[in-house]
Amino acid sequence: MDLFEYMKQQLGCNFVSDLHYHQQEVLCLFQKTDCSQYSTRELDDFCQYVFKMDYKDFQKHERLSNYYD
């Protein structure tokens, strides 16, 4: 199952486009997801679609957020 469908299913969304409206829930689930099973391209596409940033920038943002928490 691709990452978009996995997230949609786990969050009980009817459509992939609904993920935009549940960014906090997506973030929490994404942080718990084993990303090693997805390609870098799929991770990048997902982060661009939901968070409007590429996967590398998302990782940097997460590391900084965890550092300051």
N, C-alpha and C. Protein backbone atom coordinates (compact mmCIF):
# COMPACT_ATOMS: atom_id res chain seq x y z
N MET A 1 0.86 -1.18 0.00
CA MET A 1 0.00 0.00 0.00
C MET A 1 0.90 1.24 0.00
N ASP A 2 0.56 2.19 -0.84
CA ASP A 2 1.40 3.39 -0.88
C ASP A 2 1.12 4.28 0.34
N LEU A 3 2.00 5.22 0.58
CA LEU A 3 1.95 6.07 1.77
C LEU A 3 0.67 6.90 1.83
N PHE A 4 0.24 7.42 0.71
CA PHE A 4 -0.97 8.23 0.68
C PHE A 4 -2.18 7.40 1.12
N GLU A 5 -2.32 6.21 0.56
CA GLU A 5 -3.45 5.34 0.90
C GLU A 5 -3.35 4.86 2.35
N TYR A 6 -2.14 4.56 2.80
CA TYR A 6 -1.95 4.13 4.19
C TYR A 6 -2.42 5.22 5.16
N MET A 7 -1.99 6.44 4.93
CA MET A 7 -2.38 7.55 5.80
C MET A 7 -3.89 7.79 5.74
N LYS A 8 -4.44 7.76 4.55
CA LYS A 8 -5.88 7.96 4.38
C LYS A 8 -6.65 6.92 5.17
N GLN A 9 -6.23 5.67 5.05
CA GLN A 9 -6.91 4.58 5.74
C GLN A 9 -6.75 4.69 7.25
N GLN A 10 -5.54 4.94 7.72
CA GLN A 10 -5.27 5.00 9.15
C GLN A 10 -6.03 6.15 9.83
N LEU A 11 -6.21 7.25 9.11
CA LEU A 11 -6.88 8.41 9.69
C LEU A 11 -8.39 8.43 9.41
N GLY A 12 -8.87 7.44 8.67
CA GLY A 12 -10.29 7.36 8.40
C GLY A 12 -10.80 8.41 7.43
N CYS A 13 -9.92 8.88 6.56
CA CYS A 13 -10.32 9.89 5.57
C CYS A 13 -10.97 9.20 4.37
N ASN A 14 -11.90 9.87 3.75
CA ASN A 14 -12.55 9.34 2.55
C ASN A 14 -11.69 9.52 1.31
N PHE A 15 -10.93 10.61 1.28
CA PHE A 15 -10.12 10.95 0.11
C PHE A 15 -8.73 11.37 0.55
N VAL A 16 -7.75 11.14 -0.32
CA VAL A 16 -6.37 11.58 -0.04
C VAL A 16 -6.34 13.09 0.18
N SER A 17 -7.16 13.81 -0.54
CA SER A 17 -7.18 15.27 -0.40
C SER A 17 -7.61 15.71 0.99
N ASP A 18 -8.27 14.84 1.74
CA ASP A 18 -8.67 15.16 3.12
C ASP A 18 -7.46 15.29 4.05
N LEU A 19 -6.34 14.71 3.66
CA LEU A 19 -5.14 14.76 4.52
C LEU A 19 -4.71 16.20 4.80
N HIS A 20 -4.97 17.10 3.86
CA HIS A 20 -4.63 18.52 4.05
C HIS A 20 -5.31 19.11 5.29
N TYR A 21 -6.49 18.61 5.58
CA TYR A 21 -7.29 19.17 6.67
C TYR A 21 -6.99 18.52 8.02
N HIS A 22 -6.10 17.54 8.02
CA HIS A 22 -5.74 16.82 9.24
C HIS A 22 -4.23 16.79 9.42
N GLN A 23 -3.59 17.92 9.19
CA GLN A 23 -2.13 17.95 9.21
C GLN A 23 -1.54 17.52 10.55
N GLN A 24 -2.14 17.91 11.64
CA GLN A 24 -1.59 17.54 12.96
C GLN A 24 -1.67 16.03 13.16
N GLU A 25 -2.79 15.43 12.79
CA GLU A 25 -2.94 13.98 12.91
C GLU A 25 -2.00 13.26 11.96
N VAL A 26 -1.87 13.79 10.75
CA VAL A 26 -0.94 13.21 9.77
C VAL A 26 0.48 13.28 10.32
N LEU A 27 0.85 14.40 10.89
CA LEU A 27 2.18 14.57 11.46
C LEU A 27 2.46 13.53 12.54
N CYS A 28 1.53 13.36 13.46
CA CYS A 28 1.70 12.39 14.55
C CYS A 28 1.86 10.97 14.01
N LEU A 29 1.01 10.61 13.05
CA LEU A 29 1.09 9.27 12.47
C LEU A 29 2.36 9.12 11.64
N PHE A 30 2.72 10.14 10.90
CA PHE A 30 3.91 10.09 10.06
C PHE A 30 5.16 9.88 10.91
N GLN A 31 5.22 10.50 12.06
CA GLN A 31 6.38 10.36 12.94
C GLN A 31 6.50 8.93 13.48
N LYS A 32 5.41 8.20 13.53
CA LYS A 32 5.41 6.82 14.03
C LYS A 32 5.54 5.79 12.91
N THR A 33 5.52 6.26 11.68
CA THR A 33 5.54 5.37 10.52
C THR A 33 6.96 4.96 10.17
N ASP A 34 7.14 3.69 9.82
CA ASP A 34 8.43 3.19 9.36
C ASP A 34 8.66 3.65 7.93
N CYS A 35 9.37 4.74 7.78
CA CYS A 35 9.56 5.34 6.46
C CYS A 35 10.51 4.54 5.58
N SER A 36 11.23 3.59 6.16
CA SER A 36 12.18 2.81 5.36
C SER A 36 11.47 1.94 4.32
N GLN A 37 10.19 1.71 4.47
CA GLN A 37 9.46 0.89 3.50
C GLN A 37 8.97 1.69 2.30
N TYR A 38 9.23 2.99 2.30
CA TYR A 38 8.80 3.86 1.20
C TYR A 38 10.02 4.46 0.51
N SER A 39 9.89 4.69 -0.77
CA SER A 39 10.99 5.29 -1.52
C SER A 39 11.15 6.76 -1.14
N THR A 40 12.32 7.29 -1.38
CA THR A 40 12.58 8.70 -1.13
C THR A 40 11.64 9.56 -1.96
N ARG A 41 11.38 9.12 -3.17
CA ARG A 41 10.47 9.86 -4.04
C ARG A 41 9.06 9.92 -3.46
N GLU A 42 8.58 8.78 -2.94
CA GLU A 42 7.23 8.76 -2.37
C GLU A 42 7.16 9.61 -1.11
N LEU A 43 8.19 9.56 -0.27
CA LEU A 43 8.24 10.38 0.93
C LEU A 43 8.26 11.86 0.56
N ASP A 44 9.03 12.18 -0.45
CA ASP A 44 9.12 13.57 -0.91
C ASP A 44 7.77 14.04 -1.47
N ASP A 45 7.15 13.21 -2.30
CA ASP A 45 5.84 13.56 -2.86
C ASP A 45 4.81 13.76 -1.75
N PHE A 46 4.83 12.89 -0.77
CA PHE A 46 3.88 12.97 0.33
C PHE A 46 4.08 14.26 1.13
N CYS A 47 5.31 14.55 1.50
CA CYS A 47 5.60 15.75 2.28
C CYS A 47 5.26 17.02 1.50
N GLN A 48 5.55 17.00 0.21
CA GLN A 48 5.19 18.15 -0.63
C GLN A 48 3.68 18.34 -0.64
N TYR A 49 2.95 17.25 -0.78
CA TYR A 49 1.50 17.31 -0.90
C TYR A 49 0.84 17.77 0.41
N VAL A 50 1.26 17.21 1.52
CA VAL A 50 0.60 17.49 2.80
C VAL A 50 1.19 18.70 3.51
N PHE A 51 2.52 18.78 3.56
CA PHE A 51 3.19 19.81 4.36
C PHE A 51 3.80 20.94 3.55
N LYS A 52 3.75 20.84 2.24
CA LYS A 52 4.30 21.87 1.34
C LYS A 52 5.81 22.07 1.50
N MET A 53 6.51 20.97 1.80
CA MET A 53 7.97 21.00 1.85
C MET A 53 8.50 19.63 1.46
N ASP A 54 9.72 19.58 0.94
CA ASP A 54 10.23 18.27 0.56
C ASP A 54 10.67 17.50 1.80
N TYR A 55 10.90 16.22 1.62
CA TYR A 55 11.17 15.32 2.75
C TYR A 55 12.42 15.74 3.52
N LYS A 56 13.47 16.14 2.82
CA LYS A 56 14.70 16.57 3.51
C LYS A 56 14.45 17.78 4.39
N ASP A 57 13.71 18.75 3.88
CA ASP A 57 13.38 19.93 4.70
C ASP A 57 12.48 19.54 5.86
N PHE A 58 11.57 18.61 5.62
CA PHE A 58 10.70 18.14 6.69
C PHE A 58 11.54 17.51 7.81
N GLN A 59 12.51 16.69 7.46
CA GLN A 59 13.37 16.05 8.45
C GLN A 59 14.15 17.10 9.25
N LYS A 60 14.68 18.09 8.57
CA LYS A 60 15.41 19.16 9.26
C LYS A 60 14.49 19.89 10.22
N HIS A 61 13.29 20.21 9.78
CA HIS A 61 12.30 20.89 10.60
C HIS A 61 11.97 20.06 11.84
N GLU A 62 11.80 18.77 11.65
CA GLU A 62 11.47 17.88 12.78
C GLU A 62 12.62 17.81 13.78
N ARG A 63 13.85 17.74 13.28
CA ARG A 63 15.01 17.70 14.20
C ARG A 63 15.10 18.98 15.00
N LEU A 64 14.88 20.11 14.36
CA LEU A 64 14.92 21.39 15.06
C LEU A 64 13.77 21.49 16.08
N SER A 65 12.60 21.04 15.70
CA SER A 65 11.45 21.07 16.62
C SER A 65 11.72 20.21 17.85
N ASN A 66 12.28 19.04 17.65
CA ASN A 66 12.59 18.16 18.77
C ASN A 66 13.69 18.73 19.64
N TYR A 67 14.63 19.44 19.06
CA TYR A 67 15.72 20.05 19.81
C TYR A 67 15.20 21.13 20.75
N TYR A 68 14.24 21.91 20.27
CA TYR A 68 13.75 23.04 21.07
C TYR A 68 12.59 22.67 21.99
N ASP A 69 12.08 21.45 21.88
CA ASP A 69 10.97 21.03 22.76
C ASP A 69 11.46 20.64 24.14
